Amino acid sequence: MKLKEFTSERVERVSVPAISLYRSNGEVRFSSLLVNALHITSGSRIQFFQDELNPTDWYFKINCSRGYKVTEKGHDKRLSFQSKPLVMAIIDSLKLKPEHTPVIPVSTERDLTNDTYALITHMIL
């Protein structure tokens, strides 16, 4: 057996660009790493897409006219928007348990074919 030590000095936080989905209020929250990597700001518009042939595959596009408007909320100035129908569609397509609040990593590499970023749904945290 090889034990890895965790103390207050040793614990590392895993941080990846990601979105968090909140079933209770339909909030889609952007991690600070994602905000910085993709230059998302308050007022940005985000549009989501589901691959109809592979329904667990989701993508989003930034700064499109028909997207959800990102706002700054809370004392921590987090960037998010609310859409319970979208949150539930993503959660339902991934068949997540009701008690799970998913944190979904996001690729910061833009797909040049359709100008979108992929949610990495097979790596939900």
C-alpha atoms as a PDB file:
ATOM      1  CA  MET A   1       0.000   0.000   0.000  1.00  0.00           C
ATOM      2  CA  LYS A   2       1.204   3.507  -0.823  1.00  0.00           C
ATOM      3  CA  LEU A   3      -0.592   6.286   1.054  1.00  0.00           C
ATOM      4  CA  LYS A   4      -0.866   9.822  -0.223  1.00  0.00           C
ATOM      5  CA  GLU A   5      -0.798  12.375   2.575  1.00  0.00           C
ATOM      6  CA  PHE A   6      -3.405  15.136   2.827  1.00  0.00           C
ATOM      7  CA  THR A   7      -2.827  17.927   5.304  1.00  0.00           C
ATOM      8  CA  SER A   8      -3.775  21.569   5.354  1.00  0.00           C
ATOM      9  CA  GLU A   9      -0.497  22.278   3.559  1.00  0.00           C
ATOM     10  CA  ARG A  10      -0.770  19.473   0.992  1.00  0.00           C
ATOM     11  CA  VAL A  11      -4.350  19.470  -0.306  1.00  0.00           C
ATOM     12  CA  GLU A  12      -4.545  20.550  -3.924  1.00  0.00           C
ATOM     13  CA  ARG A  13      -7.764  21.749  -5.447  1.00  0.00           C
ATOM     14  CA  VAL A  14      -8.544  20.373  -8.881  1.00  0.00           C
ATOM     15  CA  SER A  15      -9.494  23.307 -11.040  1.00  0.00           C
ATOM     16  CA  VAL A  16     -10.641  23.095 -14.613  1.00  0.00           C
ATOM     17  CA  PRO A  17     -12.657  25.403 -16.838  1.00  0.00           C
ATOM     18  CA  ALA A  18     -16.220  24.277 -16.168  1.00  0.00           C
ATOM     19  CA  ILE A  19     -19.879  25.115 -15.779  1.00  0.00           C
ATOM     20  CA  SER A  20     -22.011  24.193 -12.785  1.00  0.00           C
ATOM     21  CA  LEU A  21     -25.701  23.405 -13.198  1.00  0.00           C
ATOM     22  CA  TYR A  22     -28.146  24.135 -10.375  1.00  0.00           C
ATOM     23  CA  ARG A  23     -31.371  22.201 -10.722  1.00  0.00           C
ATOM     24  CA  SER A  24     -33.192  24.137  -7.959  1.00  0.00           C
ATOM     25  CA  ASN A  25     -33.111  27.549  -9.639  1.00  0.00           C
ATOM     26  CA  GLY A  26     -31.919  26.745 -13.172  1.00  0.00           C
ATOM     27  CA  GLU A  27     -28.638  28.594 -12.770  1.00  0.00           C
ATOM     28  CA  VAL A  28     -25.762  27.938 -15.167  1.00  0.00           C
ATOM     29  CA  ARG A  29     -22.614  29.197 -13.438  1.00  0.00           C
ATOM     30  CA  PHE A  30     -19.250  29.687 -15.143  1.00  0.00           C
ATOM     31  CA  SER A  31     -16.019  28.899 -13.276  1.00  0.00           C
ATOM     32  CA  SER A  32     -13.488  31.707 -13.054  1.00  0.00           C
ATOM     33  CA  LEU A  33     -11.044  29.622 -15.113  1.00  0.00           C
ATOM     34  CA  LEU A  34     -13.620  29.321 -17.900  1.00  0.00           C
ATOM     35  CA  VAL A  35     -14.509  33.012 -17.691  1.00  0.00           C
ATOM     36  CA  ASN A  36     -10.848  33.978 -18.025  1.00  0.00           C
ATOM     37  CA  ALA A  37     -10.012  31.448 -20.749  1.00  0.00           C
ATOM     38  CA  LEU A  38     -12.948  32.343 -23.000  1.00  0.00           C
ATOM     39  CA  HIS A  39     -13.250  36.033 -22.067  1.00  0.00           C
ATOM     40  CA  ILE A  40     -16.843  35.704 -20.878  1.00  0.00           C
ATOM     41  CA  THR A  41     -18.121  38.942 -19.357  1.00  0.00           C
ATOM     42  CA  SER A  42     -21.304  40.250 -17.827  1.00  0.00           C
ATOM     43  CA  GLY A  43     -23.491  40.992 -20.827  1.00  0.00           C
ATOM     44  CA  SER A  44     -22.062  38.181 -22.977  1.00  0.00           C
ATOM     45  CA  ARG A  45     -24.711  36.071 -24.668  1.00  0.00           C
ATOM     46  CA  ILE A  46     -24.347  32.288 -24.581  1.00  0.00           C
ATOM     47  CA  GLN A  47     -26.255  29.899 -26.837  1.00  0.00           C
ATOM     48  CA  PHE A  48     -26.341  26.141 -26.145  1.00  0.00           C
ATOM     49  CA  PHE A  49     -26.688  23.305 -28.645  1.00  0.00           C
ATOM     50  CA  GLN A  50     -27.386  19.592 -28.236  1.00  0.00           C
ATOM     51  CA  ASP A  51     -26.187  17.082 -30.818  1.00  0.00           C
ATOM     52  CA  GLU A  52     -29.399  15.367 -31.932  1.00  0.00           C
ATOM     53  CA  LEU A  53     -27.471  12.278 -33.067  1.00  0.00           C
ATOM     54  CA  ASN A  54     -25.527  12.035 -29.781  1.00  0.00           C
ATOM     55  CA  PRO A  55     -27.843  13.605 -27.177  1.00  0.00           C
ATOM     56  CA  THR A  56     -25.272  13.549 -24.363  1.00  0.00           C
ATOM     57  CA  ASP A  57     -23.027  15.871 -26.390  1.00  0.00           C
ATOM     58  CA  TRP A  58     -23.554  19.564 -25.647  1.00  0.00           C
ATOM     59  CA  TYR A  59     -21.887  22.691 -27.007  1.00  0.00           C
ATOM     60  CA  PHE A  60     -22.132  26.431 -26.553  1.00  0.00           C
ATOM     61  CA  LYS A  61     -21.327  29.537 -28.507  1.00  0.00           C
ATOM     62  CA  ILE A  62     -20.362  32.902 -27.027  1.00  0.00           C
ATOM     63  CA  ASN A  63     -21.664  36.320 -28.072  1.00  0.00           C
ATOM     64  CA  CYS A  64     -24.531  35.383 -30.319  1.00  0.00           C
ATOM     65  CA  SER A  65     -27.635  37.503 -30.641  1.00  0.00           C
ATOM     66  CA  ARG A  66     -30.120  34.840 -29.481  1.00  0.00           C
ATOM     67  CA  GLY A  67     -28.172  33.588 -26.469  1.00  0.00           C
ATOM     68  CA  TYR A  68     -28.833  33.758 -22.744  1.00  0.00           C
ATOM     69  CA  LYS A  69     -27.528  36.984 -21.217  1.00  0.00           C
ATOM     70  CA  VAL A  70     -24.755  36.432 -18.660  1.00  0.00           C
ATOM     71  CA  THR A  71     -25.008  38.519 -15.495  1.00  0.00           C
ATOM     72  CA  GLU A  72     -22.835  39.091 -12.450  1.00  0.00           C
ATOM     73  CA  LYS A  73     -24.354  37.809  -9.210  1.00  0.00           C
ATOM     74  CA  GLY A  74     -23.598  37.533  -5.536  1.00  0.00           C
ATOM     75  CA  HIS A  75     -20.875  38.897  -3.327  1.00  0.00           C
ATOM     76  CA  ASP A  76     -18.356  36.720  -5.192  1.00  0.00           C
ATOM     77  CA  LYS A  77     -19.352  38.385  -8.504  1.00  0.00           C
ATOM     78  CA  ARG A  78     -19.864  35.045 -10.233  1.00  0.00           C
ATOM     79  CA  LEU A  79     -21.004  35.057 -13.840  1.00  0.00           C
ATOM     80  CA  SER A  80     -24.110  33.062 -14.630  1.00  0.00           C
ATOM     81  CA  PHE A  81     -27.552  33.028 -16.198  1.00  0.00           C
ATOM     82  CA  GLN A  82     -30.767  31.226 -15.374  1.00  0.00           C
ATOM     83  CA  SER A  83     -32.719  28.804 -17.531  1.00  0.00           C
ATOM     84  CA  LYS A  84     -34.365  25.916 -15.751  1.00  0.00           C
ATOM     85  CA  PRO A  85     -35.522  24.306 -19.041  1.00  0.00           C
ATOM     86  CA  LEU A  86     -31.923  24.266 -20.330  1.00  0.00           C
ATOM     87  CA  VAL A  87     -30.472  22.957 -17.061  1.00  0.00           C
ATOM     88  CA  MET A  88     -33.085  20.203 -16.887  1.00  0.00           C
ATOM     89  CA  ALA A  89     -32.553  19.252 -20.548  1.00  0.00           C
ATOM     90  CA  ILE A  90     -28.805  18.835 -19.961  1.00  0.00           C
ATOM     91  CA  ILE A  91     -29.260  16.943 -16.680  1.00  0.00           C
ATOM     92  CA  ASP A  92     -31.959  14.687 -18.143  1.00  0.00           C
ATOM     93  CA  SER A  93     -29.880  13.889 -21.237  1.00  0.00           C
ATOM     94  CA  LEU A  94     -26.997  12.822 -18.986  1.00  0.00           C
ATOM     95  CA  LYS A  95     -29.302  10.743 -16.745  1.00  0.00           C
ATOM     96  CA  LEU A  96     -27.927  12.281 -13.553  1.00  0.00           C
ATOM     97  CA  LYS A  97     -29.324  11.489 -10.117  1.00  0.00           C
ATOM     98  CA  PRO A  98     -31.584  14.184  -8.628  1.00  0.00           C
ATOM     99  CA  GLU A  99     -29.201  14.915  -5.751  1.00  0.00           C
ATOM    100  CA  HIS A 100     -26.249  15.518  -8.084  1.00  0.00           C
ATOM    101  CA  THR A 101     -25.222  19.112  -8.873  1.00  0.00           C
ATOM    102  CA  PRO A 102     -23.022  18.591 -11.901  1.00  0.00           C
ATOM    103  CA  VAL A 103     -19.829  20.452 -12.614  1.00  0.00           C
ATOM    104  CA  ILE A 104     -19.086  19.868 -16.287  1.00  0.00           C
ATOM    105  CA  PRO A 105     -15.609  20.570 -17.682  1.00  0.00           C
ATOM    106  CA  VAL A 106     -15.535  22.643 -20.864  1.00  0.00           C
ATOM    107  CA  SER A 107     -13.008  22.500 -23.672  1.00  0.00           C
ATOM    108  CA  THR A 108     -11.336  25.850 -24.200  1.00  0.00           C
ATOM    109  CA  GLU A 109     -10.482  24.884 -27.786  1.00  0.00           C
ATOM    110  CA  ARG A 110     -13.013  26.403 -30.166  1.00  0.00           C
ATOM    111  CA  ASP A 111     -14.419  24.089 -32.827  1.00  0.00           C
ATOM    112  CA  LEU A 112     -13.799  26.068 -35.997  1.00  0.00           C
ATOM    113  CA  THR A 113     -16.445  24.140 -37.947  1.00  0.00           C
ATOM    114  CA  ASN A 114     -19.367  25.504 -35.943  1.00  0.00           C
ATOM    115  CA  ASP A 115     -17.663  28.111 -33.712  1.00  0.00           C
ATOM    116  CA  THR A 116     -18.594  26.306 -30.481  1.00  0.00           C
ATOM    117  CA  TYR A 117     -17.000  24.994 -27.301  1.00  0.00           C
ATOM    118  CA  ALA A 118     -17.742  21.450 -26.117  1.00  0.00           C
ATOM    119  CA  LEU A 119     -18.990  20.439 -22.695  1.00  0.00           C
ATOM    120  CA  ILE A 120     -16.959  17.384 -21.715  1.00  0.00           C
ATOM    121  CA  THR A 121     -19.949  15.430 -20.450  1.00  0.00           C
ATOM    122  CA  HIS A 122     -18.094  12.152 -19.946  1.00  0.00           C
ATOM    123  CA  MET A 123     -15.936  13.816 -17.260  1.00  0.00           C
ATOM    124  CA  ILE A 124     -18.594  15.287 -14.960  1.00  0.00           C
ATOM    125  CA  LEU A 125     -17.170  16.215 -11.562  1.00  0.00           C
END
